[in-house]
Protein backbone atom coordinates (compact mmCIF):
# COMPACT_ATOMS: atom_id res chain seq x y z
CA MET A 1 145.37 29.36 -10.55
CA SER A 2 143.11 31.54 -8.46
CA LYS A 3 139.49 30.67 -7.70
CA GLN A 4 138.37 33.39 -10.09
CA SER A 5 139.44 32.71 -13.65
CA SER A 6 139.43 35.31 -16.35
CA PRO A 7 137.34 34.70 -19.48
CA GLU A 8 140.60 34.28 -21.41
CA GLN A 9 141.80 31.60 -18.98
CA VAL A 10 138.49 29.75 -19.28
CA THR A 11 138.63 29.92 -23.07
CA ARG A 12 142.21 28.65 -23.06
CA LEU A 13 141.33 25.82 -20.66
CA ARG A 14 138.34 24.78 -22.77
CA SER A 15 140.60 24.57 -25.80
CA GLN A 16 143.20 22.59 -23.85
CA VAL A 17 140.57 20.16 -22.52
CA ALA A 18 139.10 19.69 -26.00
CA GLN A 19 142.57 19.03 -27.40
CA ALA A 20 143.40 16.64 -24.56
CA ALA A 21 140.16 14.73 -25.18
CA ALA A 22 141.04 14.41 -28.87
CA ASP A 23 144.58 13.34 -27.97
CA PHE A 24 143.18 10.78 -25.50
CA GLY A 25 141.03 9.30 -28.26
CA ALA A 26 144.01 9.15 -30.60
CA ALA A 27 146.14 7.50 -27.92
CA ALA A 28 143.44 4.88 -27.28
CA ASP A 29 143.25 4.34 -31.03
CA ALA A 30 147.03 3.79 -31.12
CA VAL A 31 146.74 1.16 -28.39
CA ASP A 32 143.96 -0.62 -30.27
CA GLY A 33 146.05 -0.50 -33.45
CA ALA A 34 148.97 -2.09 -31.62
CA VAL A 35 146.70 -4.77 -30.16
CA ALA A 36 145.21 -5.52 -33.59
CA THR A 37 148.73 -5.95 -34.94
CA LEU A 38 149.64 -8.26 -32.05
CA PHE A 39 146.53 -10.35 -32.75
CA GLY A 40 147.25 -10.30 -36.48
CA VAL A 41 143.77 -8.95 -37.24
CA ASN A 42 142.21 -5.82 -38.68
CA ARG A 43 140.43 -3.23 -36.53
CA THR A 44 136.95 -4.56 -37.34
CA ASP A 45 137.97 -8.02 -36.21
CA LEU A 46 139.42 -6.56 -33.02
CA ARG A 47 136.10 -4.80 -32.39
CA ILE A 48 134.32 -8.14 -32.83
CA LEU A 49 136.69 -9.75 -30.32
CA GLY A 50 135.90 -6.95 -27.86
CA LEU A 51 132.16 -7.42 -28.29
CA VAL A 52 132.41 -11.18 -27.78
CA PHE A 53 134.63 -10.61 -24.73
CA ALA A 54 132.06 -8.26 -23.21
CA ALA A 55 129.17 -10.65 -23.88
CA GLY A 56 130.94 -13.91 -23.09
CA ALA A 57 129.31 -15.59 -26.09
CA MET A 58 127.36 -14.23 -29.04
CA ALA A 59 125.38 -15.53 -31.97
CA ALA A 60 126.20 -14.07 -35.38
CA GLY A 61 123.00 -12.02 -35.69
CA PRO A 62 123.35 -10.04 -32.46
CA LEU A 63 127.08 -9.73 -33.12
CA ALA A 64 126.43 -8.21 -36.55
CA ALA A 65 124.00 -5.71 -35.03
CA ALA A 66 126.38 -4.77 -32.22
CA ALA A 67 129.30 -4.37 -34.64
CA ARG A 68 127.12 -2.48 -37.15
CA LEU A 69 128.12 -4.91 -39.88
CA SER A 70 126.12 -6.84 -42.44
CA PRO A 71 125.47 -10.50 -41.67
CA ALA A 72 127.77 -11.49 -44.56
CA ALA A 73 130.63 -9.28 -43.32
CA THR A 74 130.16 -10.64 -39.80
CA SER A 75 130.21 -14.22 -41.04
CA THR A 76 133.42 -13.54 -42.97
CA ALA A 77 135.02 -11.93 -39.92
CA ILE A 78 133.99 -14.86 -37.72
CA GLN A 79 135.55 -17.27 -40.22
CA ARG A 80 138.81 -15.27 -40.18
CA LEU A 81 138.87 -15.15 -36.38
CA VAL A 82 138.14 -18.88 -36.05
CA ALA A 83 140.92 -19.64 -38.58
CA ALA A 84 143.30 -17.39 -36.62
CA GLY A 85 142.52 -19.28 -33.42
CA HIS A 86 140.82 -16.35 -31.65
CA LEU A 87 137.19 -17.53 -31.73
CA SER A 88 135.54 -20.90 -31.44
CA ARG A 89 132.04 -21.90 -32.47
CA ALA A 90 129.71 -23.91 -30.27
CA VAL A 91 126.04 -24.82 -30.16
CA ASP A 92 123.95 -22.35 -28.14
CA ASP A 93 122.88 -24.03 -24.88
CA ARG A 94 119.53 -22.19 -24.96
CA ASP A 95 118.75 -22.76 -28.64
CA ARG A 96 120.42 -25.86 -30.05
CA ARG A 97 119.59 -24.72 -33.61
CA ARG A 98 122.01 -21.80 -33.56
CA ALA A 99 125.74 -21.41 -33.03
CA VAL A 100 127.52 -18.94 -30.79
CA VAL A 101 131.11 -17.79 -30.83
CA THR A 102 133.35 -17.46 -27.80
CA LEU A 103 136.92 -16.36 -27.30
CA THR A 104 139.58 -19.04 -27.25
CA ALA A 105 142.05 -19.39 -24.39
CA LYS A 106 144.69 -17.93 -26.73
CA ALA A 107 142.61 -14.80 -27.35
CA LEU A 108 141.74 -14.41 -23.66
CA ASP A 109 145.42 -14.65 -22.76
CA LEU A 110 146.41 -12.02 -25.34
CA LEU A 111 143.61 -9.70 -24.19
CA ASP A 112 144.71 -10.10 -20.59
CA ARG A 113 148.37 -9.44 -21.41
CA THR A 114 147.53 -6.32 -23.41
CA TYR A 115 144.60 -4.63 -21.69
CA ALA A 116 144.92 -5.72 -18.02
CA PRO A 117 148.11 -3.68 -17.45
CA ILE A 118 146.37 -0.65 -18.96
CA ALA A 119 143.42 -1.12 -16.61
CA ARG A 120 145.73 -1.44 -13.59
CA ALA A 121 147.68 1.67 -14.55
CA GLY A 122 144.47 3.61 -15.15
CA ARG A 123 143.07 2.62 -11.75
CA ALA A 124 146.33 3.63 -10.11
CA ASP A 125 146.10 7.05 -11.80
CA LEU A 126 142.49 7.44 -10.67
CA ALA A 127 143.46 6.76 -7.04
CA ARG A 128 144.82 10.31 -6.78
CA TYR A 129 141.39 11.88 -7.33
CA SER A 130 138.71 12.63 -4.76
CA ALA A 131 135.18 11.28 -5.04
CA ARG A 132 134.05 14.72 -6.22
CA ASP A 133 136.79 14.80 -8.89
CA LEU A 134 135.85 11.30 -10.02
CA ALA A 135 132.18 12.24 -10.31
CA LEU A 136 133.15 15.20 -12.51
CA ILE A 137 135.45 13.05 -14.66
CA LEU A 138 132.72 10.42 -15.00
CA ASP A 139 130.18 13.04 -16.03
CA PHE A 140 132.58 14.46 -18.62
CA LEU A 141 133.34 11.02 -20.06
CA GLU A 142 129.69 9.90 -20.16
CA ARG A 143 128.69 13.12 -21.90
CA GLY A 144 131.58 12.67 -24.33
CA ILE A 145 130.53 9.11 -25.11
CA ARG A 146 126.97 10.25 -25.85
CA LEU A 147 128.28 13.11 -27.99
CA GLN A 148 130.56 10.80 -29.99
CA HIS A 149 127.77 8.26 -30.61
CA ALA A 150 125.38 11.01 -31.67
CA GLN A 151 127.99 12.42 -34.04
CA ALA A 152 128.70 8.96 -35.49
CA ASP A 153 124.96 8.55 -36.15
CA ARG A 154 124.85 12.01 -37.74
CA ILE A 155 127.79 11.15 -40.00
CA ARG A 156 126.22 7.83 -41.00
CA THR A 157 123.14 9.72 -42.20
CA LEU A 158 125.42 11.94 -44.29
CA ALA A 159 126.90 8.86 -45.90
CA ALA A 160 123.42 7.50 -46.62
CA ASP A 161 122.29 10.73 -48.35
């Protein structure tokens, strides 16, 4: 394509990028669905596993807030994940009165076998882009993340009304 794009080309490209972004989200959702099936858990439980993975260890209260679940729903999910062998409970080293959950070796192994190859493939794909391209991609993704979170908050207020 030439340096100068027609308004029609720009409109078409905007539509294609928007569709590709939606397709990317759906593809990521398909991966998460497959991983949830492999783990034998539902999507909420998979999200909890991801939050615990990112934190290393979490108490139920902060986990409930991060997952946007009630304390009761979080407690039930933790019980399911402990029973499935994906989480273990331990006493918090900093506050011996509370318990924290951590991923088991089984869960860490499954996460590594599922998501590590995706990360490697993604990094290999990114190697073809220049620093300027990567900065643009990063900006687009960060803006998209903020947009999606803002829209999720907007939709939650609709549900509350």
